[in-house]
Amino acid sequence: MPPPSPVLPAVLTALSLSMIALSPFLASASPSPYRQGVAAFESGDDATARVALAGVDARTEPHAVYLLGVLAERRKAYAEAVIRFTSYLASVPAGSDLVPSARAHQAYCLAAGGRYAMAASLLAASGSRPTDRATTLLLGYADLILCRRQADAPGRRAAAARAEARFGAVPNDAEALNGRGLARLALARPREAAEDFHRAGALAPRVTFFMNEGQARQEAKEFAAARTAYRRAADLAPESDPLHAKAMRALGHLTDLEATGTK
């Protein structure tokens, strides 16, 4: 029985209001569908945000299209999201503040939606240009999808290498360390991956980080350390959480290995 599959993180799709605070709509004192949509977006009321933003004239306020793309991504409506982000990118100057983020979301949604060739092309073209934390993580997540789902081995390795570099550019960050660990697992470097997961767990104790560390330690045949990581995951996760059962199964498997001496 192999170690459990690594746990991919939830993608960060929150948008800070400060990123679009210079919009003329937001500068206006009067209520507007755009202002109402942004307020609902920020508060997490996605249904209200969708209705309000859908009533905005994109020619007047193209950022509404960007937000509708993020809302579609949150619903995992990736085909719709790609259309939104593509439309947004076609309607704003290349130097607009949200263009790097929109391109990252576009690439992520292409990958998550199974359009791997197009996503790979965009991700390769993005290179290693510096971006903000959220955009860098999103690009890394998109590459992680490709390194797990692309059919060709060279493409998977290239995506994993890009992901490792992207996550490595975000210092002292638990999400980035976890992402780099996942990339290093895909590159068959479990000891380095385990150290990344361990550091992520030290910065932010999360069940997923300890589960991933346990898998990496097991792949590296560091069984005592794998047991410690799985135990921390099991202790941290509520019994109702599927990851609790997954951690307990992993601990049971390690016990069976020790009993049979077939590590």
Protein backbone atom coordinates (compact mmCIF):
# COMPACT_ATOMS: atom_id res chain seq x y z
CA MET A 1 0.00 0.00 0.00
CA PRO A 2 1.58 3.33 -1.08
CA PRO A 3 1.51 6.43 1.11
CA PRO A 4 -1.60 8.61 0.78
CA SER A 5 -1.79 11.16 -2.01
CA PRO A 6 -0.65 14.69 -1.11
CA VAL A 7 -3.32 17.18 -0.19
CA LEU A 8 -3.53 20.17 -2.52
CA PRO A 9 -4.32 23.52 -0.90
CA ALA A 10 -7.43 25.54 -1.47
CA VAL A 11 -6.75 28.23 -4.04
CA LEU A 12 -6.64 31.80 -2.85
CA THR A 13 -9.25 33.76 -4.81
CA ALA A 14 -9.93 36.61 -2.42
CA LEU A 15 -9.42 40.06 -3.91
CA SER A 16 -8.41 42.98 -1.73
CA LEU A 17 -10.61 46.03 -2.21
CA SER A 18 -7.45 48.16 -2.16
CA MET A 19 -6.43 46.66 -5.51
CA ILE A 20 -9.28 48.52 -7.24
CA ALA A 21 -9.78 51.42 -4.88
CA LEU A 22 -8.86 53.98 -7.57
CA SER A 23 -11.82 52.99 -9.72
CA PRO A 24 -14.09 55.97 -10.56
CA PHE A 25 -17.07 53.89 -9.45
CA LEU A 26 -15.61 53.52 -5.98
CA ALA A 27 -14.70 57.20 -5.88
CA SER A 28 -18.32 58.12 -6.47
CA ALA A 29 -20.42 58.92 -3.40
CA SER A 30 -23.62 57.57 -4.93
CA PRO A 31 -24.61 53.89 -4.83
CA SER A 32 -24.06 51.95 -8.03
CA PRO A 33 -24.32 48.32 -9.13
CA TYR A 34 -20.54 48.18 -9.23
CA ARG A 35 -20.09 49.51 -5.70
CA GLN A 36 -22.81 47.18 -4.45
CA GLY A 37 -21.18 44.25 -6.22
CA VAL A 38 -17.75 45.00 -4.79
CA ALA A 39 -19.20 45.32 -1.29
CA ALA A 40 -20.98 41.98 -1.64
CA PHE A 41 -17.83 40.37 -3.09
CA GLU A 42 -15.74 41.58 -0.17
CA SER A 43 -18.30 40.34 2.37
CA GLY A 44 -18.45 36.87 0.79
CA ASP A 45 -22.02 37.26 -0.51
CA ASP A 46 -21.23 35.80 -3.92
CA ALA A 47 -24.84 35.48 -5.10
CA THR A 48 -25.57 39.17 -4.52
CA ALA A 49 -22.23 40.14 -6.06
CA ARG A 50 -22.99 38.16 -9.22
CA VAL A 51 -26.38 39.82 -9.69
CA ALA A 52 -25.04 43.34 -9.07
CA LEU A 53 -21.91 42.99 -11.20
CA ALA A 54 -23.81 41.38 -14.09
CA GLY A 55 -25.76 44.65 -14.37
CA VAL A 56 -22.63 46.76 -14.80
CA ASP A 57 -21.64 48.07 -18.23
CA ALA A 58 -18.24 46.49 -18.79
CA ARG A 59 -17.27 49.30 -21.15
CA THR A 60 -17.57 51.75 -18.26
CA GLU A 61 -16.18 49.50 -15.52
CA PRO A 62 -14.17 46.55 -16.89
CA HIS A 63 -13.11 45.50 -13.39
CA ALA A 64 -16.64 44.10 -13.00
CA VAL A 65 -15.71 41.46 -15.58
CA TYR A 66 -12.61 40.54 -13.56
CA LEU A 67 -14.70 40.09 -10.40
CA LEU A 68 -17.25 37.99 -12.29
CA GLY A 69 -14.35 35.80 -13.40
CA VAL A 70 -13.20 35.29 -9.81
CA LEU A 71 -16.77 34.47 -8.77
CA ALA A 72 -17.01 31.88 -11.56
CA GLU A 73 -13.68 30.40 -10.45
CA ARG A 74 -14.97 30.10 -6.89
CA ARG A 75 -17.94 28.09 -8.24
CA LYS A 76 -15.52 25.94 -10.26
CA ALA A 77 -17.23 27.17 -13.41
CA TYR A 78 -13.84 27.26 -15.10
CA ALA A 79 -15.02 27.65 -18.71
CA GLU A 80 -17.04 30.73 -17.76
CA ALA A 81 -14.14 32.08 -15.72
CA VAL A 82 -11.74 31.76 -18.66
CA ILE A 83 -14.16 33.71 -20.87
CA ARG A 84 -14.45 36.45 -18.22
CA PHE A 85 -10.71 36.82 -17.70
CA THR A 86 -10.02 36.72 -21.45
CA SER A 87 -12.62 39.44 -22.00
CA TYR A 88 -11.15 41.52 -19.19
CA LEU A 89 -7.62 41.24 -20.58
CA ALA A 90 -8.83 42.33 -24.01
CA SER A 91 -10.54 45.43 -22.60
CA VAL A 92 -7.87 47.01 -20.38
CA PRO A 93 -4.41 48.48 -21.09
CA ALA A 94 -1.52 46.07 -20.64
CA GLY A 95 -0.18 48.19 -17.79
CA SER A 96 -3.32 48.00 -15.65
CA ASP A 97 -2.73 46.87 -12.08
CA LEU A 98 -4.89 43.76 -12.27
CA VAL A 99 -3.50 42.37 -15.53
CA PRO A 100 -0.88 40.05 -13.90
CA SER A 101 -3.51 38.69 -11.54
CA ALA A 102 -6.05 38.21 -14.34
CA ARG A 103 -3.49 36.30 -16.40
CA ALA A 104 -2.72 34.07 -13.43
CA HIS A 105 -6.44 33.35 -12.87
CA GLN A 106 -6.85 32.68 -16.58
CA ALA A 107 -4.00 30.15 -16.55
CA TYR A 108 -5.28 28.50 -13.38
CA CYS A 109 -8.82 28.12 -14.75
CA LEU A 110 -7.50 26.70 -18.03
CA ALA A 111 -5.52 24.11 -16.08
CA ALA A 112 -8.33 23.31 -13.65
CA GLY A 113 -10.76 23.05 -16.55
CA GLY A 114 -8.62 20.50 -18.37
CA ARG A 115 -7.27 22.75 -21.13
CA TYR A 116 -3.72 21.75 -20.33
CA ALA A 117 -1.97 22.78 -23.56
CA MET A 118 -3.25 26.34 -23.40
CA ALA A 119 -2.49 26.57 -19.68
CA ALA A 120 1.03 25.25 -20.22
CA SER A 121 1.66 27.82 -22.92
CA LEU A 122 0.52 30.70 -20.71
CA LEU A 123 2.46 29.45 -17.69
CA ALA A 124 5.65 28.97 -19.67
CA ALA A 125 5.27 32.48 -21.10
CA SER A 126 4.77 33.97 -17.64
CA GLY A 127 8.37 33.09 -16.77
CA SER A 128 9.61 34.12 -13.35
CA ARG A 129 8.65 37.78 -13.41
CA PRO A 130 8.09 39.10 -9.86
CA THR A 131 4.46 39.44 -8.84
CA ASP A 132 2.51 39.87 -5.64
CA ARG A 133 2.14 36.95 -3.24
CA ALA A 134 -1.39 35.92 -4.25
CA THR A 135 -0.57 35.96 -7.97
CA THR A 136 2.64 34.00 -7.45
CA LEU A 137 0.81 31.34 -5.43
CA LEU A 138 -1.96 31.10 -8.02
CA LEU A 139 0.58 30.56 -10.81
CA GLY A 140 2.25 27.90 -8.68
CA TYR A 141 -1.07 26.14 -8.08
CA ALA A 142 -1.78 26.15 -11.81
CA ASP A 143 1.60 24.53 -12.45
CA LEU A 144 0.86 21.93 -9.76
CA ILE A 145 -2.31 20.95 -11.60
CA LEU A 146 -0.33 20.50 -14.80
CA CYS A 147 2.39 18.44 -13.13
CA ARG A 148 -0.27 16.03 -11.88
CA ARG A 149 -2.53 15.84 -14.92
CA GLN A 150 -0.51 16.39 -18.09
CA ALA A 151 0.01 13.26 -20.15
CA ASP A 152 3.62 13.85 -21.18
CA ALA A 153 6.38 13.35 -18.63
CA PRO A 154 8.59 16.25 -19.84
CA GLY A 155 5.64 18.62 -19.52
CA ARG A 156 4.94 17.39 -15.99
CA ARG A 157 8.56 17.88 -14.96
CA ALA A 158 8.66 21.37 -16.49
CA ALA A 159 5.48 22.35 -14.64
CA ALA A 160 6.83 20.98 -11.35
CA ALA A 161 10.09 22.89 -11.80
CA ARG A 162 8.21 26.12 -12.50
CA ALA A 163 6.04 25.56 -9.43
CA GLU A 164 9.10 24.95 -7.26
CA ALA A 165 10.66 28.22 -8.44
CA ARG A 166 7.46 30.23 -8.00
CA PHE A 167 6.76 29.02 -4.47
CA GLY A 168 10.42 29.45 -3.58
CA ALA A 169 10.16 33.15 -4.43
CA VAL A 170 7.76 33.74 -1.50
CA PRO A 171 9.86 33.69 1.70
CA ASN A 172 8.77 32.44 5.12
CA ASP A 173 5.23 31.66 3.96
CA ALA A 174 3.41 28.50 5.01
CA GLU A 175 1.31 28.23 1.82
CA ALA A 176 4.37 28.73 -0.35
CA LEU A 177 6.39 26.14 1.59
CA ASN A 178 3.58 23.63 1.25
CA GLY A 179 3.35 24.34 -2.48
CA ARG A 180 7.10 23.96 -2.94
CA GLY A 181 6.94 20.69 -1.03
CA LEU A 182 4.26 19.41 -3.41
CA ALA A 183 6.41 20.41 -6.37
CA ARG A 184 9.45 18.65 -4.89
CA LEU A 185 7.39 15.51 -4.29
CA ALA A 186 6.44 15.59 -7.97
CA LEU A 187 10.16 15.88 -8.78
CA ALA A 188 10.89 12.76 -6.67
CA ARG A 189 12.75 14.65 -3.93
CA PRO A 190 10.81 13.56 -0.84
CA ARG A 191 13.38 14.54 1.79
CA GLU A 192 13.45 18.15 0.61
CA ALA A 193 9.67 18.10 0.33
CA ALA A 194 9.36 16.81 3.90
CA GLU A 195 11.45 19.68 5.22
CA ASP A 196 9.24 22.19 3.39
CA PHE A 197 6.07 20.62 4.82
CA HIS A 198 7.65 20.56 8.29
CA ARG A 199 8.51 24.26 8.08
CA ALA A 200 4.98 25.03 6.81
CA GLY A 201 3.50 23.22 9.79
CA ALA A 202 5.75 25.14 12.17
CA LEU A 203 4.55 28.44 10.72
CA ALA A 204 0.87 27.48 10.55
CA PRO A 205 -0.20 24.14 12.07
CA ARG A 206 -2.65 22.68 9.53
CA VAL A 207 -3.82 19.14 8.99
CA THR A 208 -2.91 19.23 5.29
CA PHE A 209 0.68 20.25 5.99
CA PHE A 210 1.19 17.38 8.45
CA MET A 211 -0.47 14.89 6.11
CA ASN A 212 1.81 15.97 3.30
CA GLU A 213 4.85 15.76 5.57
CA GLY A 214 3.82 12.24 6.58
CA GLN A 215 3.61 11.17 2.95
CA ALA A 216 6.99 12.70 2.12
CA ARG A 217 8.64 11.10 5.17
CA GLN A 218 7.13 7.75 4.22
CA GLU A 219 8.39 8.03 0.65
CA ALA A 220 11.83 8.90 2.03
CA LYS A 221 11.59 5.83 4.34
CA GLU A 222 11.78 8.03 7.43
CA PHE A 223 9.07 6.02 9.13
CA ALA A 224 9.38 7.32 12.68
CA ALA A 225 9.10 10.90 11.44
CA ALA A 226 6.19 9.89 9.17
CA ARG A 227 4.38 8.46 12.20
CA THR A 228 4.90 11.71 14.12
CA ALA A 229 3.52 13.78 11.24
CA TYR A 230 0.46 11.56 10.71
CA ARG A 231 -0.21 11.56 14.45
CA ARG A 232 -0.13 15.37 14.51
CA ALA A 233 -2.58 15.43 11.60
CA ALA A 234 -4.91 12.97 13.33
CA ASP A 235 -4.78 14.91 16.60
CA LEU A 236 -5.47 18.21 14.87
CA ALA A 237 -8.33 17.09 12.62
CA PRO A 238 -11.83 16.64 14.08
CA GLU A 239 -13.11 13.07 13.84
CA SER A 240 -15.74 14.29 11.36
CA ASP A 241 -12.99 15.51 9.00
CA PRO A 242 -12.17 12.95 6.25
CA LEU A 243 -8.49 13.78 6.78
CA HIS A 244 -8.72 12.37 10.32
CA ALA A 245 -9.70 8.96 8.92
CA LYS A 246 -7.01 9.27 6.25
CA ALA A 247 -4.36 9.96 8.88
CA MET A 248 -5.52 7.02 11.00
CA ARG A 249 -5.34 4.70 7.99
CA ALA A 250 -1.81 5.90 7.28
CA LEU A 251 -0.81 5.23 10.89
CA GLY A 252 -2.32 1.76 10.70
CA HIS A 253 -0.40 1.05 7.51
CA LEU A 254 2.86 2.08 9.16
CA THR A 255 2.10 -0.27 12.06
CA ASP A 256 1.52 -3.12 9.59
CA LEU A 257 4.81 -2.37 7.88
CA GLU A 258 6.67 -2.45 11.16
CA ALA A 259 5.00 -5.74 12.17
CA THR A 260 5.91 -7.47 8.91
CA GLY A 261 9.29 -5.84 8.53
CA THR A 262 8.50 -4.88 4.94
CA LYS A 263 9.23 -1.18 5.12
